[in-house]
Amino acid sequence: MQRLRALIASGDDGGIALAEKAVNEYLASFPIAQRAGALHLLQDAIAPLWQASSGGQTEFINMVLEYTDSRMRALE
């Protein structure tokens, strides 16, 4: 989560691939049966960052949230 927070703080679109990698590594630390719940926890942790963001940060967080949504759909 620390790496993801740093990437969000920068709001640099070039960090999207790194953010996706951070999400994937986070998920890999959970058993498959718990990954959907882990994604919900991650989204809950990102929500306050989104609320406090603006400009590029908001766009970056939206991309991260879209990625977590796609990962969640893949788990279904």
Protein backbone atom coordinates (compact mmCIF):
# COMPACT_ATOMS: atom_id res chain seq x y z
CA MET A 1 0.00 0.00 0.00
CA GLN A 2 2.91 2.37 0.66
CA ARG A 3 4.10 2.14 -2.93
CA LEU A 4 0.56 2.66 -4.19
CA ARG A 5 0.12 5.72 -1.97
CA ALA A 6 3.37 7.20 -3.30
CA LEU A 7 2.27 6.60 -6.89
CA ILE A 8 -1.11 8.19 -6.17
CA ALA A 9 0.58 11.18 -4.56
CA SER A 10 2.60 11.78 -7.71
CA GLY A 11 -0.43 11.39 -9.96
CA ASP A 12 1.89 10.61 -12.89
CA ASP A 13 0.19 8.59 -15.63
CA GLY A 14 3.54 6.88 -16.23
CA GLY A 15 3.08 5.15 -12.89
CA ILE A 16 -0.07 3.26 -13.87
CA ALA A 17 1.82 0.09 -14.77
CA LEU A 18 3.62 0.28 -11.42
CA ALA A 19 0.31 0.78 -9.63
CA GLU A 20 -1.15 -2.26 -11.38
CA LYS A 21 1.91 -4.24 -10.35
CA ALA A 22 1.48 -3.06 -6.74
CA VAL A 23 -2.17 -4.18 -6.79
CA ASN A 24 -1.17 -7.56 -8.24
CA GLU A 25 1.53 -8.06 -5.59
CA TYR A 26 -0.95 -7.08 -2.88
CA LEU A 27 -3.44 -9.64 -4.18
CA ALA A 28 -0.79 -12.34 -4.45
CA SER A 29 -0.28 -12.09 -0.70
CA PHE A 30 -3.82 -13.43 -0.14
CA PRO A 31 -5.23 -16.90 -0.76
CA ILE A 32 -7.41 -16.98 -3.89
CA ALA A 33 -10.59 -17.33 -1.85
CA GLN A 34 -9.84 -14.06 -0.03
CA ARG A 35 -8.80 -11.91 -2.99
CA ALA A 36 -12.21 -10.36 -3.65
CA GLY A 37 -12.36 -9.24 -0.03
CA ALA A 38 -8.80 -7.94 -0.28
CA LEU A 39 -9.78 -5.85 -3.30
CA HIS A 40 -12.70 -4.38 -1.34
CA LEU A 41 -10.31 -3.49 1.49
CA LEU A 42 -7.94 -1.88 -0.98
CA GLN A 43 -10.74 0.15 -2.54
CA ASP A 44 -11.87 1.23 0.94
CA ALA A 45 -8.31 2.37 1.71
CA ILE A 46 -8.11 4.32 -1.55
CA ALA A 47 -11.51 6.03 -1.16
CA PRO A 48 -10.30 8.72 1.31
CA LEU A 49 -7.35 9.44 -0.97
CA TRP A 50 -9.77 9.92 -3.86
CA GLN A 51 -11.95 12.27 -1.81
CA ALA A 52 -8.94 14.41 -0.93
CA SER A 53 -7.46 14.37 -4.42
CA SER A 54 -7.66 16.75 -7.34
CA GLY A 55 -6.55 16.94 -10.95
CA GLY A 56 -4.05 14.32 -12.00
CA GLN A 57 -4.28 12.50 -8.69
CA THR A 58 -8.02 12.00 -9.13
CA GLU A 59 -7.53 10.67 -12.64
CA PHE A 60 -4.77 8.35 -11.43
CA ILE A 61 -6.93 7.01 -8.60
CA ASN A 62 -9.82 6.51 -11.01
CA MET A 63 -7.55 4.38 -13.19
CA VAL A 64 -6.45 2.35 -10.18
CA LEU A 65 -10.06 1.84 -9.12
CA GLU A 66 -10.99 0.77 -12.64
CA TYR A 67 -8.15 -1.74 -12.54
CA THR A 68 -9.28 -3.13 -9.18
CA ASP A 69 -12.81 -3.40 -10.58
CA SER A 70 -11.51 -5.36 -13.56
CA ARG A 71 -9.57 -7.67 -11.24
CA MET A 72 -12.71 -8.19 -9.18
CA ARG A 73 -14.72 -9.12 -12.29
CA ALA A 74 -11.98 -11.57 -13.26
CA LEU A 75 -12.34 -13.28 -9.88
CA GLU A 76 -16.08 -13.82 -10.32
